[in-house]
Amino acid sequence: MLTREEFENLRLSEAEKLSDNEHIKASAVKLIEDASQYKWIHQTSWMGEPALQLPQDLSAIQEIIYKTRPTLIIEVGVCWGGTSLFCASAMKAFDIRGEIIGVDLYVPEDLLKRIGNKRTMYRLPPIEIWTGDSVSSEVIKALDNRAFQHDNVMVILDSYHTHEHVLNELRAYSKFLNKGDYLVCCDTIVEDLEQQDDRPWGKGNNPRTALNQFLSENNEFERDVEIENKLLLSCHPDGYIRKTS
């Protein structure tokens, strides 16, 4: 029987070996690519609302919430609200007294009502959904005023996936974070996909290219290698970063 420490060491070493297996990693990307024609990524829900995340990425997000205990989670790109509700559920489960702010260009009134009703019914932390451009001066200033009140912040970037837009988001939202805080740059897998949707982003112009540039010009952040090693089916490879100073 292994001790808990021995088991953790075993998990870390095996995850590192998994990450080094290029055949398995390529097969995982191919699976995601092939299944995307059936909207596989859109099949995950939380509290009845689509989350638009793979379950393994949601699992990684809750691990980060448990470890870092953010009292403010900023989600850029709310869509149907499932990820916001998931994060709020994790905060409640871990007894974190905080709040969630979501930002999106368009937020249907019926979604606001459903999220409000579910937040009240299940006694979740406050969830505010703001309508606006994520990189507008008004939104950034308002978020800065709120983030200033928190020692632990988490940011999830999942909106418009072009290189320029994501890079602007990374530069703006990274300033809200303190040492040890995490930022999740979503859908970095776009760079790995051969078959692309008819959208403005694609190979050479996507969240991962933006993240690579951001990290090259900013030495206050690093990728979390342990998360990266164990996430096989992920839409955000290399996208889990934390502030180191």
C-alpha atoms as a PDB file:
ATOM      1  CA  MET A   1       0.000   0.000   0.000  1.00  0.00           C
ATOM      2  CA  LEU A   2       1.436   3.347  -1.018  1.00  0.00           C
ATOM      3  CA  THR A   3       1.492   6.321   1.294  1.00  0.00           C
ATOM      4  CA  ARG A   4      -0.304   9.466   0.141  1.00  0.00           C
ATOM      5  CA  GLU A   5       3.045  11.109  -0.606  1.00  0.00           C
ATOM      6  CA  GLU A   6       4.221   8.082  -2.602  1.00  0.00           C
ATOM      7  CA  PHE A   7       0.981   8.062  -4.560  1.00  0.00           C
ATOM      8  CA  GLU A   8       1.325  11.770  -5.401  1.00  0.00           C
ATOM      9  CA  ASN A   9       4.890  11.231  -6.588  1.00  0.00           C
ATOM     10  CA  LEU A  10       3.721   8.311  -8.721  1.00  0.00           C
ATOM     11  CA  ARG A  11       0.975  10.393 -10.279  1.00  0.00           C
ATOM     12  CA  LEU A  12       3.385  13.223 -11.110  1.00  0.00           C
ATOM     13  CA  SER A  13       5.962  10.917 -12.673  1.00  0.00           C
ATOM     14  CA  GLU A  14       3.389   9.043 -14.751  1.00  0.00           C
ATOM     15  CA  ALA A  15       1.800  12.308 -15.919  1.00  0.00           C
ATOM     16  CA  GLU A  16       5.226  13.498 -17.029  1.00  0.00           C
ATOM     17  CA  LYS A  17       5.715  10.297 -19.024  1.00  0.00           C
ATOM     18  CA  LEU A  18       2.261  10.768 -20.542  1.00  0.00           C
ATOM     19  CA  SER A  19       3.178  14.286 -21.606  1.00  0.00           C
ATOM     20  CA  ASP A  20       6.314  12.965 -23.306  1.00  0.00           C
ATOM     21  CA  ASN A  21       4.314  10.452 -25.377  1.00  0.00           C
ATOM     22  CA  GLU A  22       3.797  12.346 -28.621  1.00  0.00           C
ATOM     23  CA  HIS A  23       1.745   9.532 -30.183  1.00  0.00           C
ATOM     24  CA  ILE A  24      -0.878   9.608 -27.411  1.00  0.00           C
ATOM     25  CA  LYS A  25      -0.967  13.412 -27.417  1.00  0.00           C
ATOM     26  CA  ALA A  26      -1.453  13.513 -31.196  1.00  0.00           C
ATOM     27  CA  SER A  27      -4.224  10.916 -30.906  1.00  0.00           C
ATOM     28  CA  ALA A  28      -5.976  13.053 -28.293  1.00  0.00           C
ATOM     29  CA  VAL A  29      -5.843  16.132 -30.529  1.00  0.00           C
ATOM     30  CA  LYS A  30      -7.151  14.086 -33.453  1.00  0.00           C
ATOM     31  CA  LEU A  31     -10.028  12.799 -31.314  1.00  0.00           C
ATOM     32  CA  ILE A  32     -11.002  16.336 -30.315  1.00  0.00           C
ATOM     33  CA  GLU A  33     -10.723  17.475 -33.926  1.00  0.00           C
ATOM     34  CA  ASP A  34     -12.821  14.611 -35.297  1.00  0.00           C
ATOM     35  CA  ALA A  35     -15.468  14.933 -32.582  1.00  0.00           C
ATOM     36  CA  SER A  36     -15.739  18.703 -32.955  1.00  0.00           C
ATOM     37  CA  GLN A  37     -17.837  18.249 -36.112  1.00  0.00           C
ATOM     38  CA  TYR A  38     -20.519  16.912 -33.772  1.00  0.00           C
ATOM     39  CA  LYS A  39     -20.157  19.826 -31.322  1.00  0.00           C
ATOM     40  CA  TRP A  40     -18.634  17.492 -28.723  1.00  0.00           C
ATOM     41  CA  ILE A  41     -17.071  20.391 -26.847  1.00  0.00           C
ATOM     42  CA  HIS A  42     -20.546  21.922 -26.500  1.00  0.00           C
ATOM     43  CA  GLN A  43     -22.080  18.859 -24.841  1.00  0.00           C
ATOM     44  CA  THR A  44     -21.016  19.605 -21.241  1.00  0.00           C
ATOM     45  CA  SER A  45     -23.542  21.339 -18.967  1.00  0.00           C
ATOM     46  CA  TRP A  46     -23.630  22.473 -15.365  1.00  0.00           C
ATOM     47  CA  MET A  47     -26.901  23.073 -13.534  1.00  0.00           C
ATOM     48  CA  GLY A  48     -28.673  22.711 -16.856  1.00  0.00           C
ATOM     49  CA  GLU A  49     -26.685  25.433 -18.620  1.00  0.00           C
ATOM     50  CA  PRO A  50     -24.111  24.650 -21.360  1.00  0.00           C
ATOM     51  CA  ALA A  51     -20.550  25.187 -20.127  1.00  0.00           C
ATOM     52  CA  LEU A  52     -18.770  24.836 -23.504  1.00  0.00           C
ATOM     53  CA  GLN A  53     -15.786  23.212 -21.786  1.00  0.00           C
ATOM     54  CA  LEU A  54     -14.452  19.675 -21.821  1.00  0.00           C
ATOM     55  CA  PRO A  55     -14.980  17.947 -18.450  1.00  0.00           C
ATOM     56  CA  GLN A  56     -11.234  17.591 -17.911  1.00  0.00           C
ATOM     57  CA  ASP A  57     -10.763  21.337 -18.277  1.00  0.00           C
ATOM     58  CA  LEU A  58     -13.554  21.963 -15.777  1.00  0.00           C
ATOM     59  CA  SER A  59     -11.789  19.552 -13.431  1.00  0.00           C
ATOM     60  CA  ALA A  60      -8.547  21.514 -13.810  1.00  0.00           C
ATOM     61  CA  ILE A  61     -10.393  24.766 -13.102  1.00  0.00           C
ATOM     62  CA  GLN A  62     -11.848  23.420  -9.857  1.00  0.00           C
ATOM     63  CA  GLU A  63      -8.411  22.179  -8.789  1.00  0.00           C
ATOM     64  CA  ILE A  64      -7.076  25.698  -9.252  1.00  0.00           C
ATOM     65  CA  ILE A  65      -9.999  27.180  -7.312  1.00  0.00           C
ATOM     66  CA  TYR A  66      -9.399  24.738  -4.457  1.00  0.00           C
ATOM     67  CA  LYS A  67      -5.664  25.411  -4.398  1.00  0.00           C
ATOM     68  CA  THR A  68      -5.625  29.192  -4.767  1.00  0.00           C
ATOM     69  CA  ARG A  69      -9.017  30.102  -3.220  1.00  0.00           C
ATOM     70  CA  PRO A  70      -9.797  33.112  -5.417  1.00  0.00           C
ATOM     71  CA  THR A  71     -12.369  35.501  -3.979  1.00  0.00           C
ATOM     72  CA  LEU A  72     -12.890  37.024  -7.427  1.00  0.00           C
ATOM     73  CA  ILE A  73     -13.217  35.004 -10.631  1.00  0.00           C
ATOM     74  CA  ILE A  74     -13.442  36.976 -13.872  1.00  0.00           C
ATOM     75  CA  GLU A  75     -14.810  35.019 -16.824  1.00  0.00           C
ATOM     76  CA  VAL A  76     -14.530  36.706 -20.213  1.00  0.00           C
ATOM     77  CA  GLY A  77     -16.954  35.056 -22.620  1.00  0.00           C
ATOM     78  CA  VAL A  78     -19.971  33.824 -20.672  1.00  0.00           C
ATOM     79  CA  CYS A  79     -22.087  32.375 -23.479  1.00  0.00           C
ATOM     80  CA  TRP A  80     -24.754  30.232 -21.733  1.00  0.00           C
ATOM     81  CA  GLY A  81     -23.424  30.627 -18.192  1.00  0.00           C
ATOM     82  CA  GLY A  82     -22.579  27.025 -17.356  1.00  0.00           C
ATOM     83  CA  THR A  83     -18.952  27.742 -16.512  1.00  0.00           C
ATOM     84  CA  SER A  84     -19.951  30.688 -14.318  1.00  0.00           C
ATOM     85  CA  LEU A  85     -22.315  28.436 -12.377  1.00  0.00           C
ATOM     86  CA  PHE A  86     -19.650  25.736 -12.164  1.00  0.00           C
ATOM     87  CA  CYS A  87     -17.117  28.163 -10.687  1.00  0.00           C
ATOM     88  CA  ALA A  88     -19.697  29.482  -8.242  1.00  0.00           C
ATOM     89  CA  SER A  89     -20.519  25.902  -7.187  1.00  0.00           C
ATOM     90  CA  ALA A  90     -16.846  25.189  -6.580  1.00  0.00           C
ATOM     91  CA  MET A  91     -16.475  28.352  -4.494  1.00  0.00           C
ATOM     92  CA  LYS A  92     -19.461  27.334  -2.383  1.00  0.00           C
ATOM     93  CA  ALA A  93     -18.214  23.745  -1.981  1.00  0.00           C
ATOM     94  CA  PHE A  94     -14.813  24.991  -0.818  1.00  0.00           C
ATOM     95  CA  ASP A  95     -16.337  27.638   1.485  1.00  0.00           C
ATOM     96  CA  ILE A  96     -14.807  30.547  -0.442  1.00  0.00           C
ATOM     97  CA  ARG A  97     -16.646  33.790   0.171  1.00  0.00           C
ATOM     98  CA  GLY A  98     -16.209  35.617  -3.073  1.00  0.00           C
ATOM     99  CA  GLU A  99     -17.858  36.700  -6.288  1.00  0.00           C
ATOM    100  CA  ILE A 100     -17.862  36.039 -10.014  1.00  0.00           C
ATOM    101  CA  ILE A 101     -17.971  38.646 -12.754  1.00  0.00           C
ATOM    102  CA  GLY A 102     -18.677  37.568 -16.321  1.00  0.00           C
ATOM    103  CA  VAL A 103     -18.190  39.781 -19.364  1.00  0.00           C
ATOM    104  CA  ASP A 104     -19.735  39.266 -22.790  1.00  0.00           C
ATOM    105  CA  LEU A 105     -20.813  41.339 -25.761  1.00  0.00           C
ATOM    106  CA  TYR A 106     -24.347  39.963 -25.644  1.00  0.00           C
ATOM    107  CA  VAL A 107     -26.178  38.538 -22.656  1.00  0.00           C
ATOM    108  CA  PRO A 108     -29.819  37.443 -23.150  1.00  0.00           C
ATOM    109  CA  GLU A 109     -32.265  38.581 -20.496  1.00  0.00           C
ATOM    110  CA  ASP A 110     -33.562  35.043 -20.024  1.00  0.00           C
ATOM    111  CA  LEU A 111     -30.020  33.876 -19.217  1.00  0.00           C
ATOM    112  CA  LEU A 112     -29.638  36.557 -16.558  1.00  0.00           C
ATOM    113  CA  LYS A 113     -32.928  35.427 -15.041  1.00  0.00           C
ATOM    114  CA  ARG A 114     -31.970  31.749 -15.037  1.00  0.00           C
ATOM    115  CA  ILE A 115     -28.563  32.390 -13.492  1.00  0.00           C
ATOM    116  CA  GLY A 116     -30.120  34.633 -10.865  1.00  0.00           C
ATOM    117  CA  ASN A 117     -32.752  32.046  -9.990  1.00  0.00           C
ATOM    118  CA  LYS A 118     -30.212  29.223  -9.722  1.00  0.00           C
ATOM    119  CA  ARG A 119     -27.830  31.337  -7.685  1.00  0.00           C
ATOM    120  CA  THR A 120     -30.620  32.073  -5.218  1.00  0.00           C
ATOM    121  CA  MET A 121     -31.988  28.518  -5.163  1.00  0.00           C
ATOM    122  CA  TYR A 122     -28.613  26.912  -4.477  1.00  0.00           C
ATOM    123  CA  ARG A 123     -27.234  29.777  -2.388  1.00  0.00           C
ATOM    124  CA  LEU A 124     -24.253  30.345  -4.648  1.00  0.00           C
ATOM    125  CA  PRO A 125     -21.816  33.252  -4.390  1.00  0.00           C
ATOM    126  CA  PRO A 126     -22.791  36.453  -6.252  1.00  0.00           C
ATOM    127  CA  ILE A 127     -22.610  36.234 -10.040  1.00  0.00           C
ATOM    128  CA  GLU A 128     -22.626  39.457 -12.033  1.00  0.00           C
ATOM    129  CA  ILE A 129     -22.807  39.384 -15.823  1.00  0.00           C
ATOM    130  CA  TRP A 130     -21.678  42.563 -17.575  1.00  0.00           C
ATOM    131  CA  THR A 131     -22.464  43.416 -21.173  1.00  0.00           C
ATOM    132  CA  GLY A 132     -19.576  45.056 -23.005  1.00  0.00           C
ATOM    133  CA  ASP A 133     -16.355  44.750 -24.966  1.00  0.00           C
ATOM    134  CA  SER A 134     -13.846  42.888 -22.795  1.00  0.00           C
ATOM    135  CA  VAL A 135     -10.978  45.229 -23.735  1.00  0.00           C
ATOM    136  CA  SER A 136     -12.892  48.501 -23.662  1.00  0.00           C
ATOM    137  CA  SER A 137     -11.540  51.149 -21.297  1.00  0.00           C
ATOM    138  CA  GLU A 138     -14.861  51.228 -19.430  1.00  0.00           C
ATOM    139  CA  VAL A 139     -14.867  47.489 -18.680  1.00  0.00           C
ATOM    140  CA  ILE A 140     -11.172  47.379 -17.786  1.00  0.00           C
ATOM    141  CA  LYS A 141     -11.482  50.345 -15.425  1.00  0.00           C
ATOM    142  CA  ALA A 142     -14.544  48.865 -13.705  1.00  0.00           C
ATOM    143  CA  LEU A 143     -12.828  45.483 -13.288  1.00  0.00           C
ATOM    144  CA  ASP A 144      -9.682  47.131 -11.995  1.00  0.00           C
ATOM    145  CA  ASN A 145     -11.714  48.833  -9.272  1.00  0.00           C
ATOM    146  CA  ARG A 146     -13.187  45.483  -8.231  1.00  0.00           C
ATOM    147  CA  ALA A 147      -9.997  43.424  -8.509  1.00  0.00           C
ATOM    148  CA  PHE A 148      -8.204  45.951  -6.304  1.00  0.00           C
ATOM    149  CA  GLN A 149     -10.437  44.787  -3.436  1.00  0.00           C
ATOM    150  CA  HIS A 150      -9.271  41.155  -3.691  1.00  0.00           C
ATOM    151  CA  ASP A 151      -5.999  39.447  -2.760  1.00  0.00           C
ATOM    152  CA  ASN A 152      -6.741  36.303  -4.791  1.00  0.00           C
ATOM    153  CA  VAL A 153      -8.100  36.558  -8.327  1.00  0.00           C
ATOM    154  CA  MET A 154      -8.611  34.070 -11.157  1.00  0.00           C
ATOM    155  CA  VAL A 155      -9.179  34.996 -14.809  1.00  0.00           C
ATOM    156  CA  ILE A 156     -10.692  32.815 -17.549  1.00  0.00           C
ATOM    157  CA  LEU A 157     -10.338  34.202 -21.080  1.00  0.00           C
ATOM    158  CA  ASP A 158     -12.779  32.558 -23.496  1.00  0.00           C
ATOM    159  CA  SER A 159     -14.155  35.173 -25.874  1.00  0.00           C
ATOM    160  CA  TYR A 160     -13.010  36.260 -29.353  1.00  0.00           C
ATOM    161  CA  HIS A 161     -10.104  34.003 -30.285  1.00  0.00           C
ATOM    162  CA  THR A 162      -7.991  36.068 -32.680  1.00  0.00           C
ATOM    163  CA  HIS A 163      -4.328  36.680 -31.831  1.00  0.00           C
ATOM    164  CA  GLU A 164      -4.756  40.438 -31.516  1.00  0.00           C
ATOM    165  CA  HIS A 165      -7.835  40.316 -29.305  1.00  0.00           C
ATOM    166  CA  VAL A 166      -6.504  37.641 -26.948  1.00  0.00           C
ATOM    167  CA  LEU A 167      -3.145  39.402 -26.670  1.00  0.00           C
ATOM    168  CA  ASN A 168      -4.928  42.607 -25.696  1.00  0.00           C
ATOM    169  CA  GLU A 169      -6.931  40.669 -23.109  1.00  0.00           C
ATOM    170  CA  LEU A 170      -3.815  39.003 -21.706  1.00  0.00           C
ATOM    171  CA  ARG A 171      -2.055  42.339 -21.330  1.00  0.00           C
ATOM    172  CA  ALA A 172      -5.063  43.953 -19.659  1.00  0.00           C
ATOM    173  CA  TYR A 173      -6.374  41.159 -17.427  1.00  0.00           C
ATOM    174  CA  SER A 174      -2.990  39.904 -16.232  1.00  0.00           C
ATOM    175  CA  LYS A 175      -2.683  43.161 -14.288  1.00  0.00           C
ATOM    176  CA  PHE A 176      -5.560  42.087 -12.044  1.00  0.00           C
ATOM    177  CA  LEU A 177      -3.606  39.096 -10.737  1.00  0.00           C
ATOM    178  CA  ASN A 178      -1.353  38.778  -7.717  1.00  0.00           C
ATOM    179  CA  LYS A 179       1.492  36.369  -7.085  1.00  0.00           C
ATOM    180  CA  GLY A 180       0.209  32.788  -7.247  1.00  0.00           C
ATOM    181  CA  ASP A 181      -2.988  33.678  -9.115  1.00  0.00           C
ATOM    182  CA  TYR A 182      -4.000  31.818 -12.283  1.00  0.00           C
ATOM    183  CA  LEU A 183      -5.147  32.835 -15.727  1.00  0.00           C
ATOM    184  CA  VAL A 184      -6.714  30.279 -18.075  1.00  0.00           C
ATOM    185  CA  CYS A 185      -6.277  31.119 -21.754  1.00  0.00           C
ATOM    186  CA  CYS A 186      -8.949  29.031 -23.445  1.00  0.00           C
ATOM    187  CA  ASP A 187      -8.981  27.252 -26.813  1.00  0.00           C
ATOM    188  CA  THR A 188      -5.247  27.261 -27.387  1.00  0.00           C
ATOM    189  CA  ILE A 189      -5.875  23.945 -29.163  1.00  0.00           C
ATOM    190  CA  VAL A 190      -6.868  25.932 -32.278  1.00  0.00           C
ATOM    191  CA  GLU A 191      -3.172  26.046 -33.193  1.00  0.00           C
ATOM    192  CA  ASP A 192      -3.090  22.212 -33.328  1.00  0.00           C
ATOM    193  CA  LEU A 193      -6.198  21.625 -35.441  1.00  0.00           C
ATOM    194  CA  GLU A 194      -5.896  20.863 -39.131  1.00  0.00           C
ATOM    195  CA  GLN A 195      -9.608  21.299 -39.802  1.00  0.00           C
ATOM    196  CA  GLN A 196     -10.819  24.753 -38.852  1.00  0.00           C
ATOM    197  CA  ASP A 197     -14.265  26.297 -38.602  1.00  0.00           C
ATOM    198  CA  ASP A 198     -15.082  29.207 -40.888  1.00  0.00           C
ATOM    199  CA  ARG A 199     -14.065  31.792 -38.279  1.00  0.00           C
ATOM    200  CA  PRO A 200     -11.609  34.702 -38.151  1.00  0.00           C
ATOM    201  CA  TRP A 201      -9.060  32.648 -36.186  1.00  0.00           C
ATOM    202  CA  GLY A 202      -6.999  29.597 -37.135  1.00  0.00           C
ATOM    203  CA  LYS A 203      -3.415  28.373 -37.331  1.00  0.00           C
ATOM    204  CA  GLY A 204      -1.005  31.233 -36.682  1.00  0.00           C
ATOM    205  CA  ASN A 205      -3.800  33.478 -35.413  1.00  0.00           C
ATOM    206  CA  ASN A 206      -5.311  32.194 -32.187  1.00  0.00           C
ATOM    207  CA  PRO A 207      -5.092  32.181 -28.378  1.00  0.00           C
ATOM    208  CA  ARG A 208      -1.916  30.092 -28.259  1.00  0.00           C
ATOM    209  CA  THR A 209       0.025  32.381 -30.584  1.00  0.00           C
ATOM    210  CA  ALA A 210      -1.149  35.308 -28.462  1.00  0.00           C
ATOM    211  CA  LEU A 211      -0.171  33.520 -25.246  1.00  0.00           C
ATOM    212  CA  ASN A 212       3.259  32.655 -26.623  1.00  0.00           C
ATOM    213  CA  GLN A 213       3.870  36.314 -27.442  1.00  0.00           C
ATOM    214  CA  PHE A 214       2.572  37.434 -24.063  1.00  0.00           C
ATOM    215  CA  LEU A 215       4.867  35.049 -22.187  1.00  0.00           C
ATOM    216  CA  SER A 216       7.835  36.087 -24.320  1.00  0.00           C
ATOM    217  CA  GLU A 217       7.364  39.713 -23.300  1.00  0.00           C
ATOM    218  CA  ASN A 218       6.333  39.102 -19.674  1.00  0.00           C
ATOM    219  CA  ASN A 219       8.543  37.263 -17.196  1.00  0.00           C
ATOM    220  CA  GLU A 220       6.040  37.461 -14.328  1.00  0.00           C
ATOM    221  CA  PHE A 221       4.080  34.432 -15.562  1.00  0.00           C
ATOM    222  CA  GLU A 222       4.782  30.771 -16.211  1.00  0.00           C
ATOM    223  CA  ARG A 223       2.861  27.786 -17.504  1.00  0.00           C
ATOM    224  CA  ASP A 224       1.752  25.269 -14.884  1.00  0.00           C
ATOM    225  CA  VAL A 225       3.593  22.185 -16.141  1.00  0.00           C
ATOM    226  CA  GLU A 226       1.929  19.816 -13.677  1.00  0.00           C
ATOM    227  CA  ILE A 227      -1.532  20.701 -14.957  1.00  0.00           C
ATOM    228  CA  GLU A 228      -0.324  20.522 -18.538  1.00  0.00           C
ATOM    229  CA  ASN A 229       1.247  17.079 -18.081  1.00  0.00           C
ATOM    230  CA  LYS A 230      -1.902  15.366 -16.891  1.00  0.00           C
ATOM    231  CA  LEU A 231      -4.500  17.004 -19.153  1.00  0.00           C
ATOM    232  CA  LEU A 232      -4.803  14.747 -22.152  1.00  0.00           C
ATOM    233  CA  LEU A 233      -8.209  15.763 -23.538  1.00  0.00           C
ATOM    234  CA  SER A 234      -8.029  19.531 -23.174  1.00  0.00           C
ATOM    235  CA  CYS A 235      -9.032  22.515 -25.282  1.00  0.00           C
ATOM    236  CA  HIS A 236      -6.507  24.666 -23.438  1.00  0.00           C
ATOM    237  CA  PRO A 237      -3.085  22.985 -23.828  1.00  0.00           C
ATOM    238  CA  ASP A 238      -0.347  25.256 -22.449  1.00  0.00           C
ATOM    239  CA  GLY A 239      -3.134  27.650 -21.465  1.00  0.00           C
ATOM    240  CA  TYR A 240      -2.929  27.359 -17.670  1.00  0.00           C
ATOM    241  CA  ILE A 241      -0.547  30.059 -16.439  1.00  0.00           C
ATOM    242  CA  ARG A 242       0.166  31.544 -13.028  1.00  0.00           C
ATOM    243  CA  LYS A 243       1.774  34.715 -11.815  1.00  0.00           C
ATOM    244  CA  THR A 244       5.132  34.091 -10.164  1.00  0.00           C
ATOM    245  CA  SER A 245       6.053  37.589  -8.968  1.00  0.00           C
END
